[in-house]
Protein backbone atom coordinates (compact mmCIF):
# COMPACT_ATOMS: atom_id res chain seq x y z
CA MET A 1 -57.95 167.87 -56.10
CA THR A 2 -58.63 164.13 -55.79
CA PRO A 3 -61.76 162.97 -57.64
CA LYS A 4 -63.55 160.07 -56.01
CA PRO A 5 -65.94 157.75 -57.86
CA PHE A 6 -69.56 158.46 -57.00
CA ARG A 7 -72.70 156.40 -57.35
CA VAL A 8 -76.28 157.68 -57.21
CA GLU A 9 -78.20 155.71 -54.59
CA ILE A 10 -81.09 157.59 -53.00
CA PRO A 11 -82.23 155.96 -49.73
CA GLN A 12 -85.51 154.09 -50.10
CA ALA A 13 -86.94 156.03 -47.16
CA VAL A 14 -86.66 159.23 -49.21
CA LEU A 15 -88.61 157.68 -52.09
CA ASP A 16 -91.20 156.23 -49.71
CA ASP A 17 -91.72 159.68 -48.20
CA LEU A 18 -92.14 161.14 -51.68
CA ARG A 19 -94.82 158.59 -52.55
CA GLN A 20 -96.71 159.30 -49.33
CA ARG A 21 -96.69 163.03 -50.10
CA LEU A 22 -97.89 162.39 -53.66
CA GLU A 23 -100.83 160.49 -52.23
CA ARG A 24 -101.81 163.38 -49.92
CA VAL A 25 -101.68 166.42 -52.22
CA ARG A 26 -104.02 169.23 -51.23
CA TRP A 27 -104.90 170.71 -54.61
CA PRO A 28 -105.57 174.42 -55.19
CA ASP A 29 -108.68 175.61 -56.97
CA ALA A 30 -108.60 176.87 -60.55
CA LEU A 31 -110.85 178.98 -62.72
CA VAL A 32 -112.71 177.01 -65.36
CA GLY A 33 -111.18 177.10 -68.81
CA THR A 34 -108.08 179.15 -67.93
CA GLY A 35 -105.52 176.45 -68.79
CA TRP A 36 -101.99 177.76 -68.35
CA SER A 37 -102.90 181.47 -68.46
CA TYR A 38 -102.75 181.87 -64.66
CA GLY A 39 -99.74 179.57 -64.25
CA ALA A 40 -99.38 175.80 -64.14
CA ASP A 41 -102.53 174.06 -65.39
CA LEU A 42 -104.31 172.16 -62.59
CA GLY A 43 -105.48 169.34 -64.83
CA TYR A 44 -102.05 168.67 -66.28
CA ILE A 45 -100.26 168.78 -62.93
CA LYS A 46 -102.81 166.33 -61.51
CA GLU A 47 -102.14 164.01 -64.45
CA LEU A 48 -98.38 164.36 -64.01
CA VAL A 49 -98.51 163.71 -60.25
CA ALA A 50 -100.65 160.60 -60.82
CA TYR A 51 -98.05 159.30 -63.27
CA TRP A 52 -95.27 160.19 -60.81
CA ASN A 53 -96.95 158.18 -58.07
CA ASP A 54 -98.04 155.17 -60.13
CA ARG A 55 -95.61 154.67 -62.99
CA PHE A 56 -92.45 156.76 -62.73
CA ASP A 57 -89.32 154.71 -61.94
CA TRP A 58 -86.55 156.75 -60.32
CA ARG A 59 -84.37 153.65 -59.92
CA ALA A 60 -84.26 153.30 -63.70
CA TRP A 61 -82.95 156.86 -63.92
CA GLU A 62 -80.34 156.08 -61.29
CA ARG A 63 -79.11 153.23 -63.49
CA THR A 64 -78.93 155.59 -66.47
CA ILE A 65 -76.96 158.21 -64.54
CA ASN A 66 -74.66 155.56 -63.09
CA SER A 67 -73.94 154.23 -66.59
CA PHE A 68 -71.75 157.32 -66.99
CA PRO A 69 -68.52 157.80 -64.99
CA ASN A 70 -69.60 159.85 -61.94
CA PHE A 71 -67.23 161.57 -59.53
CA ARG A 72 -67.12 164.04 -56.70
CA ALA A 73 -64.23 166.30 -55.76
CA THR A 74 -63.63 169.07 -53.24
CA LEU A 75 -63.26 172.46 -54.93
CA GLY A 76 -62.82 175.56 -52.82
CA GLY A 77 -63.96 173.59 -49.78
CA LEU A 78 -67.16 172.47 -51.50
CA GLY A 79 -68.04 168.99 -52.72
CA VAL A 80 -68.83 169.07 -56.45
CA HIS A 81 -70.36 166.25 -58.47
CA PHE A 82 -69.46 165.78 -62.13
CA LEU A 83 -69.54 163.35 -65.02
CA HIS A 84 -66.19 162.74 -66.75
CA VAL A 85 -66.58 160.83 -70.01
CA PRO A 86 -63.39 160.08 -72.00
CA GLY A 87 -63.56 160.73 -75.71
CA ARG A 88 -63.06 157.95 -78.25
CA GLY A 89 -60.85 159.34 -80.97
CA PRO A 90 -57.24 160.20 -81.82
CA ARG A 91 -57.08 163.48 -79.86
CA PRO A 92 -60.25 164.17 -77.87
CA LEU A 93 -60.70 167.82 -76.98
CA PRO A 94 -61.65 168.48 -73.33
CA LEU A 95 -65.09 170.11 -73.24
CA LEU A 96 -66.83 171.52 -70.17
CA LEU A 97 -70.66 171.53 -70.35
CA THR A 98 -72.62 173.56 -67.79
CA HIS A 99 -76.38 173.40 -67.20
CA GLY A 100 -78.75 176.05 -65.87
CA TRP A 101 -82.02 176.45 -63.94
CA PRO A 102 -84.40 174.65 -63.69
CA GLY A 103 -82.28 172.08 -65.44
CA SER A 104 -79.53 169.70 -64.34
CA ILE A 105 -76.92 167.34 -65.71
CA LEU A 106 -79.83 165.26 -67.03
CA GLU A 107 -80.12 167.77 -69.90
CA PHE A 108 -76.86 166.41 -71.34
CA LEU A 109 -77.41 162.65 -71.17
CA LYS A 110 -78.46 162.45 -74.84
CA ILE A 111 -75.67 164.62 -76.20
CA ILE A 112 -72.72 163.19 -74.24
CA PRO A 113 -72.42 160.02 -76.39
CA LEU A 114 -72.64 162.08 -79.58
CA LEU A 115 -69.74 164.25 -78.43
CA ALA A 116 -67.56 161.61 -76.80
CA ASP A 117 -67.90 158.98 -79.53
CA PRO A 118 -68.94 160.69 -82.78
CA ALA A 119 -67.82 157.78 -84.96
CA ALA A 120 -70.41 155.56 -83.31
CA HIS A 121 -73.11 158.07 -84.26
CA GLY A 122 -72.30 158.80 -87.89
CA GLY A 123 -69.56 161.35 -87.25
CA ASP A 124 -65.78 161.58 -87.49
CA ALA A 125 -63.64 160.23 -84.64
CA GLY A 126 -61.41 163.26 -85.13
CA ASP A 127 -64.21 165.43 -83.71
CA SER A 128 -64.35 163.59 -80.37
CA PHE A 129 -64.51 165.37 -77.03
CA THR A 130 -63.67 164.27 -73.52
CA VAL A 131 -66.77 165.60 -71.78
CA VAL A 132 -66.90 167.03 -68.26
CA VAL A 133 -70.37 167.84 -66.91
CA PRO A 134 -70.45 169.27 -63.37
CA SER A 135 -73.50 169.92 -61.22
CA ILE A 136 -73.53 173.58 -60.23
CA PRO A 137 -73.02 174.06 -56.46
CA GLY A 138 -76.47 173.89 -54.87
CA TYR A 139 -77.79 171.67 -57.68
CA GLY A 140 -78.12 167.91 -57.91
CA PHE A 141 -75.41 165.92 -56.16
CA SER A 142 -73.08 168.86 -55.52
CA ASP A 143 -72.99 170.34 -52.04
CA ARG A 144 -75.30 173.20 -51.16
CA PRO A 145 -73.26 176.35 -50.39
CA ALA A 146 -73.42 177.16 -46.68
CA ALA A 147 -72.30 180.76 -47.07
CA ALA A 148 -73.23 183.70 -49.27
CA GLY A 149 -71.20 184.60 -52.33
CA MET A 150 -71.56 181.60 -54.66
CA THR A 151 -72.00 183.68 -57.81
CA ASN A 152 -71.55 182.74 -61.45
CA GLN A 153 -68.15 184.40 -61.31
CA ARG A 154 -67.14 182.29 -58.31
CA ILE A 155 -68.41 179.10 -59.96
CA ALA A 156 -66.24 179.87 -62.99
CA GLU A 157 -63.23 179.84 -60.67
CA LEU A 158 -64.29 176.43 -59.33
CA TRP A 159 -64.70 175.10 -62.87
CA LEU A 160 -61.17 176.21 -63.74
CA GLU A 161 -59.90 174.44 -60.64
CA LEU A 162 -61.84 171.34 -61.68
CA MET A 163 -60.53 171.25 -65.24
CA ARG A 164 -56.93 171.92 -64.25
CA GLY A 165 -57.23 169.30 -61.51
CA LEU A 166 -58.28 166.81 -64.18
CA GLY A 167 -55.18 167.71 -66.16
CA TYR A 168 -56.74 170.02 -68.75
CA GLU A 169 -54.86 173.31 -68.98
CA ARG A 170 -56.77 174.29 -72.11
CA PHE A 171 -60.31 173.24 -72.93
CA GLY A 172 -63.56 174.28 -74.54
CA ALA A 173 -66.58 175.54 -72.62
CA GLN A 174 -70.25 175.32 -73.56
CA GLY A 175 -73.44 176.31 -71.82
CA GLY A 176 -76.93 177.71 -71.83
CA ASP A 177 -78.82 179.60 -69.13
CA TRP A 178 -76.54 179.84 -66.06
CA GLY A 179 -74.05 177.73 -67.99
CA ALA A 180 -73.71 180.53 -70.52
CA GLY A 181 -72.94 183.05 -67.80
CA ILE A 182 -70.46 180.79 -65.99
CA SER A 183 -68.72 179.94 -69.26
CA THR A 184 -68.56 183.62 -70.23
CA TRP A 185 -66.93 184.48 -66.89
CA LEU A 186 -64.33 181.79 -67.61
CA ALA A 187 -63.63 183.36 -70.99
CA LEU A 188 -63.45 186.89 -69.58
CA GLU A 189 -61.14 186.15 -66.68
CA HIS A 190 -59.12 183.15 -67.91
CA PRO A 191 -58.95 183.38 -71.72
CA GLN A 192 -55.57 181.63 -71.80
CA HIS A 193 -57.24 178.43 -70.64
CA LEU A 194 -60.10 178.39 -73.16
CA ILE A 195 -59.74 177.03 -76.67
CA GLY A 196 -63.21 178.24 -77.57
CA LEU A 197 -66.52 179.30 -76.05
CA HIS A 198 -69.83 177.97 -77.35
CA LEU A 199 -73.21 179.25 -76.17
CA ASN A 200 -76.82 178.41 -76.92
CA TYR A 201 -78.01 181.33 -74.79
CA ILE A 202 -76.70 184.82 -74.15
CA PRO A 203 -76.58 185.58 -70.40
CA GLY A 204 -79.54 187.67 -69.30
CA SER A 205 -77.31 190.15 -67.45
CA TYR A 206 -74.95 190.60 -70.42
CA TYR A 207 -74.72 194.21 -71.51
CA PRO A 208 -71.88 195.46 -73.71
CA HIS A 209 -70.21 198.78 -73.07
CA LEU A 210 -72.04 201.51 -75.00
CA GLY A 211 -69.82 204.58 -74.95
CA PRO A 212 -69.72 207.62 -77.24
CA GLU A 213 -67.33 205.70 -79.49
CA SER A 214 -69.75 202.78 -79.90
CA PRO A 215 -71.83 202.39 -83.07
CA PRO A 216 -75.44 203.47 -82.57
CA LEU A 217 -77.96 200.78 -81.76
CA SER A 218 -79.50 199.14 -84.80
CA ALA A 219 -83.24 198.78 -85.20
CA ALA A 220 -82.89 195.08 -84.36
CA GLU A 221 -81.00 195.87 -81.17
CA LYS A 222 -83.58 198.44 -80.09
CA GLN A 223 -86.33 195.91 -80.75
CA PHE A 224 -84.44 193.31 -78.70
CA LEU A 225 -84.19 195.63 -75.69
CA ALA A 226 -87.90 196.36 -75.96
CA ASP A 227 -88.57 192.60 -76.22
CA CYS A 228 -86.52 192.06 -73.05
CA ASP A 229 -88.64 194.56 -71.14
CA ARG A 230 -91.82 192.92 -72.37
CA TRP A 231 -90.55 189.41 -71.63
CA PHE A 232 -89.62 190.24 -68.04
CA GLU A 233 -92.98 191.93 -67.55
CA GLU A 234 -94.89 188.90 -68.85
CA GLU A 235 -92.60 185.96 -67.96
CA GLY A 236 -90.11 187.16 -65.37
CA GLY A 237 -92.10 186.80 -62.16
CA TYR A 238 -90.18 183.67 -61.13
CA ALA A 239 -86.84 185.48 -61.56
CA ALA A 240 -87.96 188.56 -59.62
CA LEU A 241 -88.91 186.33 -56.69
CA GLN A 242 -85.81 184.14 -56.86
CA ARG A 243 -83.38 187.04 -56.99
CA THR A 244 -85.01 188.91 -54.11
CA PHE A 245 -86.55 186.49 -51.57
CA PRO A 246 -85.72 182.88 -52.57
CA GLN A 247 -86.05 181.65 -49.01
CA THR A 248 -89.80 182.35 -48.92
CA PRO A 249 -90.98 180.07 -51.79
CA ALA A 250 -88.45 177.47 -50.64
CA PHE A 251 -90.62 176.62 -47.64
CA ALA A 252 -93.43 175.57 -49.96
CA LEU A 253 -91.42 174.01 -52.78
CA ASN A 254 -89.17 171.96 -50.50
CA ASP A 255 -92.25 170.58 -48.71
CA SER A 256 -94.63 169.88 -51.61
CA PRO A 257 -93.60 167.66 -54.54
CA ALA A 258 -96.69 168.76 -56.48
CA GLY A 259 -95.72 172.39 -55.94
CA LEU A 260 -92.15 171.67 -57.02
CA ALA A 261 -93.37 169.93 -60.17
CA ALA A 262 -95.63 172.86 -61.05
CA TRP A 263 -92.83 175.39 -60.48
CA ILE A 264 -90.33 173.54 -62.68
CA VAL A 265 -92.49 171.95 -65.38
CA GLU A 266 -94.18 175.25 -66.19
CA LYS A 267 -90.76 176.50 -67.34
CA PHE A 268 -90.09 173.46 -69.54
CA ARG A 269 -93.45 174.07 -71.20
CA ALA A 270 -92.87 177.82 -71.59
CA TRP A 271 -89.25 177.68 -72.74
CA GLY A 272 -89.15 174.53 -74.84
CA ASP A 273 -90.01 174.43 -78.54
CA CYS A 274 -93.27 172.62 -77.87
CA ASP A 275 -96.10 174.99 -78.89
CA GLY A 276 -97.50 174.99 -75.37
CA GLU A 277 -97.55 171.21 -74.98
CA ALA A 278 -94.54 170.11 -72.93
CA GLU A 279 -94.77 166.48 -73.97
CA ARG A 280 -94.17 167.32 -77.61
CA ARG A 281 -90.57 167.79 -76.49
CA PHE A 282 -90.18 166.10 -73.11
CA SER A 283 -91.71 162.84 -71.99
CA LYS A 284 -93.34 162.60 -68.59
CA ASP A 285 -90.39 160.50 -67.49
CA GLU A 286 -87.89 163.16 -68.59
CA LEU A 287 -89.81 165.93 -66.86
CA LEU A 288 -90.22 163.95 -63.66
CA ALA A 289 -86.61 162.73 -63.57
CA ASN A 290 -85.49 166.35 -63.39
CA VAL A 291 -88.10 167.27 -60.77
CA THR A 292 -87.27 164.17 -58.73
CA LEU A 293 -83.58 165.07 -58.81
CA TYR A 294 -84.41 168.43 -57.23
CA TRP A 295 -86.71 166.70 -54.70
CA VAL A 296 -84.42 163.94 -53.48
CA THR A 297 -81.43 166.29 -53.15
CA GLU A 298 -83.51 169.08 -51.56
CA THR A 299 -81.84 171.65 -53.78
CA ILE A 300 -84.70 173.87 -54.92
CA HIS A 301 -83.77 176.64 -52.47
CA SER A 302 -80.02 176.44 -53.09
CA SER A 303 -80.65 176.42 -56.85
CA MET A 304 -82.94 179.47 -56.73
CA ARG A 305 -80.46 181.25 -54.49
CA LEU A 306 -78.07 181.54 -57.43
CA TYR A 307 -80.38 184.25 -58.78
CA PHE A 308 -79.92 186.23 -55.55
CA GLU A 309 -76.17 185.72 -55.46
CA SER A 310 -75.47 186.50 -59.09
CA ARG A 311 -77.02 189.95 -58.86
CA ARG A 312 -73.64 190.84 -57.38
CA THR A 313 -71.74 190.01 -60.57
CA PRO A 314 -73.77 190.96 -63.64
CA LEU A 315 -72.04 190.70 -67.01
CA ARG A 316 -71.94 194.45 -67.59
CA LEU A 317 -68.84 194.99 -69.70
CA LYS A 318 -66.65 198.00 -68.98
CA ALA A 319 -65.01 200.22 -71.57
CA GLY A 320 -62.54 198.15 -73.56
CA GLU A 321 -63.72 194.91 -72.00
CA ARG A 322 -64.86 192.05 -74.22
CA VAL A 323 -64.64 188.29 -74.56
CA THR A 324 -61.54 187.62 -76.67
CA VAL A 325 -61.95 183.85 -76.81
CA PRO A 326 -63.37 182.67 -80.17
CA THR A 327 -67.11 182.30 -79.60
CA GLY A 328 -69.77 180.27 -81.34
CA VAL A 329 -73.47 180.84 -80.84
CA ALA A 330 -76.22 178.37 -81.68
CA ALA A 331 -79.36 180.52 -81.95
CA PHE A 332 -82.39 178.32 -81.33
CA PRO A 333 -85.63 179.91 -82.58
CA LYS A 334 -87.75 179.45 -79.43
CA GLU A 335 -85.14 180.92 -77.09
CA ALA A 336 -86.47 184.16 -75.67
CA PRO A 337 -85.62 186.92 -75.46
CA ALA A 338 -83.06 186.30 -78.21
CA PRO A 339 -80.55 189.05 -79.08
CA PRO A 340 -79.56 189.87 -82.65
CA ARG A 341 -76.08 189.06 -83.85
CA GLN A 342 -74.95 192.71 -83.66
CA TRP A 343 -75.68 192.85 -79.93
CA VAL A 344 -73.53 189.78 -79.27
CA GLU A 345 -70.68 190.98 -81.49
CA ARG A 346 -70.34 194.11 -79.34
CA GLY A 347 -68.97 192.03 -76.46
CA TYR A 348 -67.86 188.66 -77.87
CA ASP A 349 -65.27 187.63 -80.48
CA LEU A 350 -67.95 185.95 -82.56
CA ALA A 351 -66.46 183.29 -84.84
CA ARG A 352 -69.62 181.32 -85.66
CA TRP A 353 -73.34 182.10 -85.59
CA THR A 354 -75.79 179.34 -86.46
CA GLU A 355 -79.51 179.93 -86.92
CA MET A 356 -81.06 176.67 -85.85
CA PRO A 357 -84.21 175.38 -87.58
CA ARG A 358 -85.94 174.35 -84.35
CA GLY A 359 -85.38 174.03 -80.61
CA GLY A 360 -85.72 176.09 -77.48
CA HIS A 361 -84.08 176.84 -74.16
CA PHE A 362 -83.11 173.25 -73.26
CA ALA A 363 -81.13 172.76 -76.45
CA ALA A 364 -78.97 169.78 -75.46
CA GLN A 365 -82.08 167.85 -74.43
CA GLU A 366 -84.41 169.07 -77.18
CA GLU A 367 -82.05 168.90 -80.15
CA PRO A 368 -78.91 166.98 -79.18
CA GLU A 369 -77.97 166.12 -82.76
CA LEU A 370 -78.19 169.74 -83.95
CA LEU A 371 -76.20 171.05 -81.00
CA ALA A 372 -73.57 168.31 -81.24
CA GLU A 373 -73.03 168.99 -84.93
CA ASP A 374 -72.64 172.70 -84.30
CA LEU A 375 -70.10 172.01 -81.55
CA ARG A 376 -68.10 169.76 -83.86
CA ASN A 377 -68.10 172.36 -86.63
CA PHE A 378 -67.20 175.19 -84.29
CA PHE A 379 -64.30 173.50 -82.53
CA ARG A 380 -62.87 171.69 -85.57
CA PRO A 381 -60.62 174.59 -86.72
CA LEU A 382 -59.68 175.41 -83.12
CA ARG A 383 -58.26 171.97 -82.25
C-alpha cells in the first residue's frame, strides 16, 4: 500500500451546475401546519436551499478539509481516501475513527485536534492519538464500489489493511452508526490487532446469542426490544428503502440537490440532540457542507447501497461468540433506540460505560469535548 497525498479540488463546473439546479427547484406541495410530521418541512428546506445558493461557501470547506493531511491509497483494488493526523505527544496511540450514514469525515473535524494534540486543548500530551479517518467506500472521496459485496465485514478487512499499511500493527478503533459495525467486525475477526474498541452507538444488527444457558432477559432488555420495534415502525422507513431498493430513490436524490438536502438534513434533525430544531446543534454551513460533499462526489446511491450489502453480514453472534477486545461505550441520551448495559455486556467485553449528559447520534460533531475526554479515559490504561 502506497498512500499518495490528496487535495480536495472540486471542478468549478460542478459547483456552477449545482447553483443552476438550486435556482430551478420545483417544490412539492405541503399541507398547512404539518411541519415535520410528514417528513422534511417545506419551509425550512426552502430556507436552507436559499442559503445554499446565496451564502454557502464550499471553497471555504475545501480549505478546512485540506488543512488536514489528506491521502488516498488502493486497498483491495479500491481507492480509499483518509485523513492521517500525527499525534503530538510522547507515545501517540494509533486510533481509527469511522463515520456512518448520512455522515462523513466532516463529523470528526472538531474532535481530531482534541485527540491528536490534547496538550493544546487543556489535556495531557500523554493521552495523544495519531488519528486515521477514512471515508467508507462509496462515501466522500473514496471510490464507489463497482461490484456487489462491499459489506461492513469487508470494509473491516480494508481498514485492517490500511492500518497495517501505515505501520500500525495494533491500534484503537472508534465509531458510531456504520462505524460501530465496522469497528465491531474488526474486533470480532482481528482482536490481536485492536488495543481497544470504543463505540458511541451499538450496531443496529447486533444481537447476542441467547441460548438456554443465557440469563433471562431483564425488564430493561425487553423494553429495549419493544422500543426497537416501535422505532423502526415510526422512523425506519429510510432504512427499509435503502436496504431493499436503493437504486430507485438514487435517481431522484442524485438529480435534485433540494431532494438530497431534505433526505439528509431530516436525519440530522431527528437524530441530533436538538429538540426538533437542527440548528440548535448544527449550523446551516455544517449541514450544507455534508450535503454538498454527497452532491459533488455523487455518492448518495453508493452510500445507501451499504444498507443493502450489509444485510448479508448482520452482527448476530453465534454460541460462544463475543467481542473479547476491551470495549468502551459512550451512551449519549438522544441516541435511539439505545440498548441497556446488560444487552451490550452479553456480546462485548465491556470495560467502560459512560452515561453522557447530552448529545445524540452525531456525537463527534455534537459533543467533541465529551467524546474526546471519554476516549482519553478509556484508552489511558490500555496504552
